[in-house]
């Protein structure tokens, strides 16, 4: 939806934020990131609505997300 936004977060099993994308709005280019998840067995990937969603929700996509050893 044009103008809508979302924030992507990755947390470890203890609730520590490993990644916070900041607000990403529709039409923004994909954000590249790399984080060290060594030794962690549990990860939580969550998408939070951004300030411009007007309560309608936001659609988000984790494109090509992968864990590499």
PDB file of N, CA and C in Angstrom:
ATOM      1  N   UNK A   1       0.847  -1.167   0.000  1.00  0.00           N
ATOM      2  CA  UNK A   1       0.000   0.000   0.000  1.00  0.00           C
ATOM      3  C   UNK A   1       0.901   1.241   0.000  1.00  0.00           C
ATOM      4  N   UNK A   2       0.782   2.123  -0.957  1.00  0.00           N
ATOM      5  CA  UNK A   2       1.638   3.309  -1.014  1.00  0.00           C
ATOM      6  C   UNK A   2       1.558   4.127   0.264  1.00  0.00           C
ATOM      7  N   UNK A   3       2.729   4.555   0.743  1.00  0.00           N
ATOM      8  CA  UNK A   3       2.783   5.382   1.938  1.00  0.00           C
ATOM      9  C   UNK A   3       2.778   4.611   3.239  1.00  0.00           C
ATOM     10  N   UNK A   4       2.494   3.313   3.172  1.00  0.00           N
ATOM     11  CA  UNK A   4       2.494   2.539   4.412  1.00  0.00           C
ATOM     12  C   UNK A   4       3.929   2.186   4.774  1.00  0.00           C
ATOM     13  N   UNK A   5       4.142   1.858   6.031  1.00  0.00           N
ATOM     14  CA  UNK A   5       5.492   1.545   6.467  1.00  0.00           C
ATOM     15  C   UNK A   5       5.500   0.425   7.482  1.00  0.00           C
ATOM     16  N   UNK A   6       6.671  -0.136   7.689  1.00  0.00           N
ATOM     17  CA  UNK A   6       6.844  -1.212   8.654  1.00  0.00           C
ATOM     18  C   UNK A   6       8.283  -1.163   9.159  1.00  0.00           C
ATOM     19  N   UNK A   7       8.496  -1.799  10.304  1.00  0.00           N
ATOM     20  CA  UNK A   7       9.835  -1.908  10.887  1.00  0.00           C
ATOM     21  C   UNK A   7      10.128  -3.395  11.093  1.00  0.00           C
ATOM     22  N   UNK A   8      11.272  -3.845  10.639  1.00  0.00           N
ATOM     23  CA  UNK A   8      11.674  -5.238  10.758  1.00  0.00           C
ATOM     24  C   UNK A   8      12.625  -5.381  11.944  1.00  0.00           C
ATOM     25  N   UNK A   9      12.391  -6.396  12.755  1.00  0.00           N
ATOM     26  CA  UNK A   9      13.288  -6.677  13.874  1.00  0.00           C
ATOM     27  C   UNK A   9      13.624  -8.156  13.911  1.00  0.00           C
ATOM     28  N   UNK A  10      14.858  -8.448  14.326  1.00  0.00           N
ATOM     29  CA  UNK A  10      15.270  -9.816  14.622  1.00  0.00           C
ATOM     30  C   UNK A  10      15.737  -9.807  16.061  1.00  0.00           C
ATOM     31  N   UNK A  11      15.159 -10.699  16.877  1.00  0.00           N
ATOM     32  CA  UNK A  11      15.510 -10.796  18.291  1.00  0.00           C
ATOM     33  C   UNK A  11      16.029 -12.194  18.577  1.00  0.00           C
ATOM     34  N   UNK A  12      16.906 -12.298  19.584  1.00  0.00           N
ATOM     35  CA  UNK A  12      17.355 -13.620  19.992  1.00  0.00           C
ATOM     36  C   UNK A  12      16.352 -14.206  20.981  1.00  0.00           C
ATOM     37  N   UNK A  13      16.611 -15.398  21.457  1.00  0.00           N
ATOM     38  CA  UNK A  13      15.686 -16.089  22.354  1.00  0.00           C
ATOM     39  C   UNK A  13      15.498 -15.424  23.701  1.00  0.00           C
ATOM     40  N   UNK A  14      16.318 -14.419  24.004  1.00  0.00           N
ATOM     41  CA  UNK A  14      16.212 -13.705  25.275  1.00  0.00           C
ATOM     42  C   UNK A  14      15.595 -12.322  25.101  1.00  0.00           C
ATOM     43  N   UNK A  15      15.170 -11.998  23.884  1.00  0.00           N
ATOM     44  CA  UNK A  15      14.538 -10.707  23.616  1.00  0.00           C
ATOM     45  C   UNK A  15      15.501  -9.593  23.241  1.00  0.00           C
ATOM     46  N   UNK A  16      16.793  -9.921  23.093  1.00  0.00           N
ATOM     47  CA  UNK A  16      17.774  -8.915  22.685  1.00  0.00           C
ATOM     48  C   UNK A  16      17.597  -8.625  21.198  1.00  0.00           C
ATOM     49  N   UNK A  17      17.488  -7.347  20.858  1.00  0.00           N
ATOM     50  CA  UNK A  17      17.319  -6.957  19.461  1.00  0.00           C
ATOM     51  C   UNK A  17      18.668  -7.048  18.749  1.00  0.00           C
ATOM     52  N   UNK A  18      18.713  -7.887  17.721  1.00  0.00           N
ATOM     53  CA  UNK A  18      19.920  -8.058  16.921  1.00  0.00           C
ATOM     54  C   UNK A  18      19.896  -7.176  15.676  1.00  0.00           C
ATOM     55  N   UNK A  19      18.679  -6.841  15.223  1.00  0.00           N
ATOM     56  CA  UNK A  19      18.519  -5.983  14.045  1.00  0.00           C
ATOM     57  C   UNK A  19      17.253  -5.163  14.211  1.00  0.00           C
ATOM     58  N   UNK A  20      17.338  -3.889  13.932  1.00  0.00           N
ATOM     59  CA  UNK A  20      16.175  -3.004  13.841  1.00  0.00           C
ATOM     60  C   UNK A  20      16.354  -2.217  12.561  1.00  0.00           C
ATOM     61  N   UNK A  21      15.479  -2.440  11.593  1.00  0.00           N
ATOM     62  CA  UNK A  21      15.634  -1.839  10.272  1.00  0.00           C
ATOM     63  C   UNK A  21      15.289  -0.362  10.234  1.00  0.00           C
ATOM     64  N   UNK A  22      14.611   0.126  11.268  1.00  0.00           N
ATOM     65  CA  UNK A  22      14.038   1.458  11.150  1.00  0.00           C
ATOM     66  C   UNK A  22      12.824   1.350  10.245  1.00  0.00           C
ATOM     67  N   UNK A  23      12.094   2.420  10.081  1.00  0.00           N
ATOM     68  CA  UNK A  23      10.888   2.365   9.249  1.00  0.00           C
ATOM     69  C   UNK A  23      11.249   2.252   7.777  1.00  0.00           C
ATOM     70  N   UNK A  24      10.640   1.269   7.137  1.00  0.00           N
ATOM     71  CA  UNK A  24      10.781   1.056   5.701  1.00  0.00           C
ATOM     72  C   UNK A  24       9.417   1.327   5.099  1.00  0.00           C
ATOM     73  N   UNK A  25       9.359   2.188   4.094  1.00  0.00           N
ATOM     74  CA  UNK A  25       8.069   2.514   3.485  1.00  0.00           C
ATOM     75  C   UNK A  25       7.942   1.866   2.120  1.00  0.00           C
ATOM     76  N   UNK A  26       6.710   1.719   1.679  1.00  0.00           N
ATOM     77  CA  UNK A  26       6.441   1.111   0.377  1.00  0.00           C
ATOM     78  C   UNK A  26       7.212   1.857  -0.701  1.00  0.00           C
ATOM     79  N   UNK A  27       7.868   1.116  -1.555  1.00  0.00           N
ATOM     80  CA  UNK A  27       8.644   1.697  -2.636  1.00  0.00           C
ATOM     81  C   UNK A  27      10.118   1.866  -2.315  1.00  0.00           C
ATOM     82  N   UNK A  28      10.493   1.731  -1.021  1.00  0.00           N
ATOM     83  CA  UNK A  28      11.912   1.797  -0.665  1.00  0.00           C
ATOM     84  C   UNK A  28      12.626   0.587  -1.258  1.00  0.00           C
ATOM     85  N   UNK A  29      13.903   0.742  -1.611  1.00  0.00           N
ATOM     86  CA  UNK A  29      14.650  -0.428  -2.079  1.00  0.00           C
ATOM     87  C   UNK A  29      14.865  -1.398  -0.917  1.00  0.00           C
ATOM     88  N   UNK A  30      15.092  -2.672  -1.200  1.00  0.00           N
ATOM     89  CA  UNK A  30      15.353  -3.640  -0.128  1.00  0.00           C
ATOM     90  C   UNK A  30      16.575  -3.226   0.688  1.00  0.00           C
ATOM     91  N   UNK A  31      16.529  -3.502   1.989  1.00  0.00           N
ATOM     92  CA  UNK A  31      17.672  -3.221   2.855  1.00  0.00           C
ATOM     93  C   UNK A  31      18.499  -4.484   3.002  1.00  0.00           C
ATOM     94  N   UNK A  32      19.793  -4.345   2.793  1.00  0.00           N
ATOM     95  CA  UNK A  32      20.702  -5.467   2.997  1.00  0.00           C
ATOM     96  C   UNK A  32      21.227  -5.401   4.419  1.00  0.00           C
ATOM     97  N   UNK A  33      21.399  -6.567   5.035  1.00  0.00           N
ATOM     98  CA  UNK A  33      21.965  -6.606   6.374  1.00  0.00           C
ATOM     99  C   UNK A  33      22.640  -7.941   6.599  1.00  0.00           C
ATOM    100  N   UNK A  34      23.519  -7.950   7.567  1.00  0.00           N
ATOM    101  CA  UNK A  34      24.198  -9.158   7.971  1.00  0.00           C
ATOM    102  C   UNK A  34      24.372  -9.068   9.478  1.00  0.00           C
ATOM    103  N   UNK A  35      23.983 -10.110  10.201  1.00  0.00           N
ATOM    104  CA  UNK A  35      24.157 -10.133  11.652  1.00  0.00           C
ATOM    105  C   UNK A  35      24.787 -11.467  12.047  1.00  0.00           C
ATOM    106  N   UNK A  36      25.505 -11.456  13.149  1.00  0.00           N
ATOM    107  CA  UNK A  36      26.120 -12.669  13.666  1.00  0.00           C
ATOM    108  C   UNK A  36      25.114 -13.363  14.578  1.00  0.00           C
ATOM    109  N   UNK A  37      24.675 -14.551  14.198  1.00  0.00           N
ATOM    110  CA  UNK A  37      23.741 -15.319  15.027  1.00  0.00           C
ATOM    111  C   UNK A  37      24.435 -16.535  15.636  1.00  0.00           C
ATOM    112  N   UNK A  38      25.755 -16.541  15.615  1.00  0.00           N
ATOM    113  CA  UNK A  38      26.530 -17.655  16.130  1.00  0.00           C
ATOM    114  C   UNK A  38      26.141 -18.036  17.546  1.00  0.00           C
ATOM    115  N   UNK A  39      25.917 -19.333  17.766  1.00  0.00           N
ATOM    116  CA  UNK A  39      25.588 -19.849  19.084  1.00  0.00           C
ATOM    117  C   UNK A  39      24.133 -19.689  19.486  1.00  0.00           C
ATOM    118  N   UNK A  40      23.341 -19.011  18.683  1.00  0.00           N
ATOM    119  CA  UNK A  40      21.922 -18.823  19.017  1.00  0.00           C
ATOM    120  C   UNK A  40      21.092 -19.902  18.336  1.00  0.00           C
ATOM    121  N   UNK A  41      20.163 -20.462  19.097  1.00  0.00           N
ATOM    122  CA  UNK A  41      19.301 -21.507  18.546  1.00  0.00           C
ATOM    123  C   UNK A  41      17.919 -20.966  18.191  1.00  0.00           C
ATOM    124  N   UNK A  42      17.504 -19.894  18.841  1.00  0.00           N
ATOM    125  CA  UNK A  42      16.177 -19.331  18.614  1.00  0.00           C
ATOM    126  C   UNK A  42      16.281 -17.891  18.142  1.00  0.00           C
ATOM    127  N   UNK A  43      15.522 -17.572  17.113  1.00  0.00           N
ATOM    128  CA  UNK A  43      15.429 -16.209  16.612  1.00  0.00           C
ATOM    129  C   UNK A  43      13.962 -15.877  16.399  1.00  0.00           C
ATOM    130  N   UNK A  44      13.596 -14.636  16.665  1.00  0.00           N
ATOM    131  CA  UNK A  44      12.246 -14.158  16.410  1.00  0.00           C
ATOM    132  C   UNK A  44      12.341 -13.083  15.347  1.00  0.00           C
ATOM    133  N   UNK A  45      11.639 -13.289  14.235  1.00  0.00           N
ATOM    134  CA  UNK A  45      11.562 -12.291  13.182  1.00  0.00           C
ATOM    135  C   UNK A  45      10.197 -11.640  13.315  1.00  0.00           C
ATOM    136  N   UNK A  46      10.178 -10.324  13.505  1.00  0.00           N
ATOM    137  CA  UNK A  46       8.882  -9.670  13.637  1.00  0.00           C
ATOM    138  C   UNK A  46       8.834  -8.415  12.792  1.00  0.00           C
ATOM    139  N   UNK A  47       7.619  -8.102  12.365  1.00  0.00           N
ATOM    140  CA  UNK A  47       7.365  -6.898  11.594  1.00  0.00           C
ATOM    141  C   UNK A  47       6.371  -6.066  12.385  1.00  0.00           C
ATOM    142  N   UNK A  48       6.738  -4.816  12.645  1.00  0.00           N
ATOM    143  CA  UNK A  48       5.892  -3.908  13.406  1.00  0.00           C
ATOM    144  C   UNK A  48       5.371  -2.829  12.472  1.00  0.00           C
ATOM    145  N   UNK A  49       4.099  -2.437  12.620  1.00  0.00           N
ATOM    146  CA  UNK A  49       3.569  -1.391  11.734  1.00  0.00           C
ATOM    147  C   UNK A  49       4.292  -0.075  11.962  1.00  0.00           C
ATOM    148  N   UNK A  50       4.538   0.624  10.883  1.00  0.00           N
ATOM    149  CA  UNK A  50       5.180   1.929  10.970  1.00  0.00           C
ATOM    150  C   UNK A  50       4.166   3.009  11.297  1.00  0.00           C
ATOM    151  N   UNK A  51       4.635   4.230  11.482  1.00  0.00           N
ATOM    152  CA  UNK A  51       3.741   5.319  11.892  1.00  0.00           C
ATOM    153  C   UNK A  51       2.732   5.735  10.836  1.00  0.00           C
ATOM    154  N   UNK A  52       2.958   5.331   9.577  1.00  0.00           N
ATOM    155  CA  UNK A  52       2.079   5.809   8.507  1.00  0.00           C
ATOM    156  C   UNK A  52       1.061   4.777   8.041  1.00  0.00           C
ATOM    157  N   UNK A  53       0.804   3.732   8.832  1.00  0.00           N
ATOM    158  CA  UNK A  53      -0.112   2.692   8.366  1.00  0.00           C
ATOM    159  C   UNK A  53      -1.567   3.018   8.640  1.00  0.00           C
ATOM    160  N   UNK A  54      -1.857   4.026   9.438  1.00  0.00           N
ATOM    161  CA  UNK A  54      -3.224   4.465   9.725  1.00  0.00           C
ATOM    162  C   UNK A  54      -4.110   3.335  10.239  1.00  0.00           C
ATOM    163  N   UNK A  55      -3.530   2.386  10.942  1.00  0.00           N
ATOM    164  CA  UNK A  55      -4.318   1.307  11.530  1.00  0.00           C
ATOM    165  C   UNK A  55      -4.778   0.247  10.548  1.00  0.00           C
ATOM    166  N   UNK A  56      -4.429   0.393   9.272  1.00  0.00           N
ATOM    167  CA  UNK A  56      -4.847  -0.583   8.257  1.00  0.00           C
ATOM    168  C   UNK A  56      -3.912  -1.777   8.182  1.00  0.00           C
ATOM    169  N   UNK A  57      -2.826  -1.746   8.937  1.00  0.00           N
ATOM    170  CA  UNK A  57      -1.857  -2.825   8.872  1.00  0.00           C
ATOM    171  C   UNK A  57      -0.876  -2.586   7.741  1.00  0.00           C
ATOM    172  N   UNK A  58       0.145  -3.399   7.710  1.00  0.00           N
ATOM    173  CA  UNK A  58       1.163  -3.276   6.670  1.00  0.00           C
ATOM    174  C   UNK A  58       1.520  -4.665   6.183  1.00  0.00           C
ATOM    175  N   UNK A  59       1.844  -4.764   4.918  1.00  0.00           N
ATOM    176  CA  UNK A  59       2.309  -6.015   4.355  1.00  0.00           C
ATOM    177  C   UNK A  59       3.814  -5.920   4.216  1.00  0.00           C
ATOM    178  N   UNK A  60       4.498  -6.975   4.601  1.00  0.00           N
ATOM    179  CA  UNK A  60       5.949  -6.940   4.571  1.00  0.00           C
ATOM    180  C   UNK A  60       6.476  -8.282   4.086  1.00  0.00           C
ATOM    181  N   UNK A  61       7.684  -8.271   3.560  1.00  0.00           N
ATOM    182  CA  UNK A  61       8.262  -9.472   2.978  1.00  0.00           C
ATOM    183  C   UNK A  61       9.740  -9.553   3.356  1.00  0.00           C
ATOM    184  N   UNK A  62      10.125 -10.682   3.937  1.00  0.00           N
ATOM    185  CA  UNK A  62      11.535 -10.948   4.219  1.00  0.00           C
ATOM    186  C   UNK A  62      12.104 -11.603   2.964  1.00  0.00           C
ATOM    187  N   UNK A  63      12.628 -10.827   2.050  1.00  0.00           N
ATOM    188  CA  UNK A  63      13.103 -11.332   0.774  1.00  0.00           C
ATOM    189  C   UNK A  63      14.474 -11.984   0.925  1.00  0.00           C
ATOM    190  N   UNK A  64      14.607 -13.200   0.435  1.00  0.00           N
ATOM    191  CA  UNK A  64      15.875 -13.925   0.401  1.00  0.00           C
ATOM    192  C   UNK A  64      16.579 -14.005   1.765  1.00  0.00           C
ATOM    193  N   UNK A  65      15.809 -14.144   2.830  1.00  0.00           N
ATOM    194  CA  UNK A  65      16.406 -14.263   4.153  1.00  0.00           C
ATOM    195  C   UNK A  65      16.992 -15.665   4.303  1.00  0.00           C
ATOM    196  N   UNK A  66      18.241 -15.729   4.754  1.00  0.00           N
ATOM    197  CA  UNK A  66      18.872 -17.032   4.921  1.00  0.00           C
ATOM    198  C   UNK A  66      19.906 -16.985   6.046  1.00  0.00           C
ATOM    199  N   UNK A  67      20.135 -18.119   6.647  1.00  0.00           N
ATOM    200  CA  UNK A  67      21.157 -18.267   7.672  1.00  0.00           C
ATOM    201  C   UNK A  67      22.280 -19.083   7.048  1.00  0.00           C
ATOM    202  N   UNK A  68      23.500 -18.556   7.129  1.00  0.00           N
ATOM    203  CA  UNK A  68      24.652 -19.207   6.515  1.00  0.00           C
ATOM    204  C   UNK A  68      25.635 -19.569   7.607  1.00  0.00           C
ATOM    205  N   UNK A  69      26.106 -20.819   7.583  1.00  0.00           N
ATOM    206  CA  UNK A  69      27.113 -21.255   8.561  1.00  0.00           C
ATOM    207  C   UNK A  69      28.491 -20.930   8.082  1.00  0.00           C
TER     208      UNK A  69
END
